[in-house]
C-alpha atoms as a PDB file:
ATOM      1  CA  UNK A   1       0.191  12.670  10.990  1.00  0.00           C
ATOM      2  CA  UNK A   2      -3.285  11.728   9.855  1.00  0.00           C
ATOM      3  CA  UNK A   3      -4.454  11.225   6.321  1.00  0.00           C
ATOM      4  CA  UNK A   4      -8.255  11.252   6.196  1.00  0.00           C
ATOM      5  CA  UNK A   5      -8.232   9.735   2.707  1.00  0.00           C
ATOM      6  CA  UNK A   6      -6.844   6.434   3.995  1.00  0.00           C
ATOM      7  CA  UNK A   7      -9.287   5.944   6.852  1.00  0.00           C
ATOM      8  CA  UNK A   8     -11.444   2.828   6.492  1.00  0.00           C
ATOM      9  CA  UNK A   9     -10.767   2.437   2.761  1.00  0.00           C
ATOM     10  CA  UNK A  10     -11.183  -0.817   0.888  1.00  0.00           C
ATOM     11  CA  UNK A  11      -8.126  -2.696  -0.299  1.00  0.00           C
ATOM     12  CA  UNK A  12      -8.378  -1.516  -3.909  1.00  0.00           C
ATOM     13  CA  UNK A  13      -8.774   2.133  -2.864  1.00  0.00           C
ATOM     14  CA  UNK A  14      -5.791   1.913  -0.534  1.00  0.00           C
ATOM     15  CA  UNK A  15      -3.648   0.129  -3.131  1.00  0.00           C
ATOM     16  CA  UNK A  16      -4.561   2.645  -5.827  1.00  0.00           C
ATOM     17  CA  UNK A  17      -3.749   5.589  -3.577  1.00  0.00           C
ATOM     18  CA  UNK A  18      -0.386   4.185  -2.443  1.00  0.00           C
ATOM     19  CA  UNK A  19       0.602   3.188  -5.995  1.00  0.00           C
ATOM     20  CA  UNK A  20      -0.243   6.692  -7.227  1.00  0.00           C
ATOM     21  CA  UNK A  21       1.846   8.290  -4.479  1.00  0.00           C
ATOM     22  CA  UNK A  22       4.756   5.980  -5.299  1.00  0.00           C
ATOM     23  CA  UNK A  23       4.466   6.888  -8.986  1.00  0.00           C
ATOM     24  CA  UNK A  24       4.519  10.600  -8.084  1.00  0.00           C
ATOM     25  CA  UNK A  25       7.848   9.886  -6.354  1.00  0.00           C
ATOM     26  CA  UNK A  26       9.360   7.957  -9.305  1.00  0.00           C
ATOM     27  CA  UNK A  27       8.799   4.563  -7.670  1.00  0.00           C
ATOM     28  CA  UNK A  28       7.175   2.113 -10.094  1.00  0.00           C
ATOM     29  CA  UNK A  29       5.349  -0.827  -8.528  1.00  0.00           C
ATOM     30  CA  UNK A  30       3.095  -3.712  -9.541  1.00  0.00           C
ATOM     31  CA  UNK A  31       0.328  -5.056  -7.315  1.00  0.00           C
ATOM     32  CA  UNK A  32       0.866  -8.737  -6.532  1.00  0.00           C
ATOM     33  CA  UNK A  33      -0.252 -11.639  -4.357  1.00  0.00           C
ATOM     34  CA  UNK A  34      -3.491 -12.056  -2.457  1.00  0.00           C
ATOM     35  CA  UNK A  35      -4.501  -8.441  -2.943  1.00  0.00           C
ATOM     36  CA  UNK A  36      -4.635  -9.042  -6.710  1.00  0.00           C
ATOM     37  CA  UNK A  37      -6.766 -12.127  -6.124  1.00  0.00           C
ATOM     38  CA  UNK A  38      -9.158 -10.190  -3.906  1.00  0.00           C
ATOM     39  CA  UNK A  39      -9.672  -7.508  -6.556  1.00  0.00           C
ATOM     40  CA  UNK A  40      -9.905 -10.048  -9.395  1.00  0.00           C
ATOM     41  CA  UNK A  41     -12.485 -12.216  -7.572  1.00  0.00           C
ATOM     42  CA  UNK A  42     -14.462  -9.197  -6.347  1.00  0.00           C
ATOM     43  CA  UNK A  43     -13.656 -10.032  -2.705  1.00  0.00           C
ATOM     44  CA  UNK A  44     -14.422 -13.765  -2.924  1.00  0.00           C
ATOM     45  CA  UNK A  45     -10.862 -14.192  -1.638  1.00  0.00           C
ATOM     46  CA  UNK A  46      -9.844 -11.970   1.274  1.00  0.00           C
ATOM     47  CA  UNK A  47      -6.464 -10.476   1.917  1.00  0.00           C
ATOM     48  CA  UNK A  48      -5.487  -7.651   4.227  1.00  0.00           C
ATOM     49  CA  UNK A  49      -1.979  -7.219   2.939  1.00  0.00           C
ATOM     50  CA  UNK A  50      -1.139  -5.275  -0.173  1.00  0.00           C
ATOM     51  CA  UNK A  51       1.916  -6.791  -1.826  1.00  0.00           C
ATOM     52  CA  UNK A  52       3.817  -4.472  -4.128  1.00  0.00           C
ATOM     53  CA  UNK A  53       6.739  -5.456  -6.339  1.00  0.00           C
ATOM     54  CA  UNK A  54       9.210  -2.783  -7.380  1.00  0.00           C
ATOM     55  CA  UNK A  55       9.735  -2.684 -11.161  1.00  0.00           C
ATOM     56  CA  UNK A  56      13.253  -1.326 -10.694  1.00  0.00           C
ATOM     57  CA  UNK A  57      15.395  -1.351  -7.595  1.00  0.00           C
ATOM     58  CA  UNK A  58      14.719   1.498  -5.192  1.00  0.00           C
ATOM     59  CA  UNK A  59      16.452   2.258  -1.906  1.00  0.00           C
ATOM     60  CA  UNK A  60      14.291   1.263   1.038  1.00  0.00           C
ATOM     61  CA  UNK A  61      14.700   4.661   2.670  1.00  0.00           C
ATOM     62  CA  UNK A  62      12.954   6.265  -0.340  1.00  0.00           C
ATOM     63  CA  UNK A  63      10.008   3.869   0.032  1.00  0.00           C
ATOM     64  CA  UNK A  64       9.921   4.422   3.774  1.00  0.00           C
ATOM     65  CA  UNK A  65       9.963   8.212   3.333  1.00  0.00           C
ATOM     66  CA  UNK A  66       6.892   8.078   1.051  1.00  0.00           C
ATOM     67  CA  UNK A  67       4.990   5.723   3.345  1.00  0.00           C
ATOM     68  CA  UNK A  68       5.718   7.773   6.460  1.00  0.00           C
ATOM     69  CA  UNK A  69       4.714  10.975   4.641  1.00  0.00           C
ATOM     70  CA  UNK A  70       1.312   9.360   3.920  1.00  0.00           C
ATOM     71  CA  UNK A  71       0.790   8.710   7.626  1.00  0.00           C
ATOM     72  CA  UNK A  72       1.729   5.018   7.720  1.00  0.00           C
ATOM     73  CA  UNK A  73       3.769   3.615  10.583  1.00  0.00           C
ATOM     74  CA  UNK A  74       6.375   0.905  10.202  1.00  0.00           C
ATOM     75  CA  UNK A  75       5.454  -2.363  11.945  1.00  0.00           C
ATOM     76  CA  UNK A  76       8.193  -4.959  11.506  1.00  0.00           C
ATOM     77  CA  UNK A  77       8.357  -5.521   7.730  1.00  0.00           C
ATOM     78  CA  UNK A  78       4.993  -3.870   6.996  1.00  0.00           C
ATOM     79  CA  UNK A  79       3.531  -0.400   6.900  1.00  0.00           C
ATOM     80  CA  UNK A  80       0.185   0.134   8.629  1.00  0.00           C
ATOM     81  CA  UNK A  81      -2.186   3.069   8.791  1.00  0.00           C
ATOM     82  CA  UNK A  82      -4.028   3.185  12.104  1.00  0.00           C
ATOM     83  CA  UNK A  83      -7.621   3.413  10.770  1.00  0.00           C
ATOM     84  CA  UNK A  84      -7.172   1.213   7.706  1.00  0.00           C
ATOM     85  CA  UNK A  85      -7.430  -2.600   7.801  1.00  0.00           C
ATOM     86  CA  UNK A  86      -4.708  -3.168   5.181  1.00  0.00           C
ATOM     87  CA  UNK A  87      -0.992  -3.772   5.601  1.00  0.00           C
ATOM     88  CA  UNK A  88       1.444  -2.696   2.891  1.00  0.00           C
END
């Protein structure tokens, strides 16, 4: 499955999109780690992984279902979209 919205998007656009889709599926997350630093410093610090912290415990299969429905593929402990430089 392809998702043209995700292709070649910047970190903040990708993070915003994924967070919105999680919220639509009753999964509340907070952006964390290097991705926060990249946004805060206006890309003076680079990160290609988007770290999300769940506000309340959610079964992994629910997270996985959302990510796969967006066109991401599971790679080890990350999710990756083929034409997007960021890992979730």
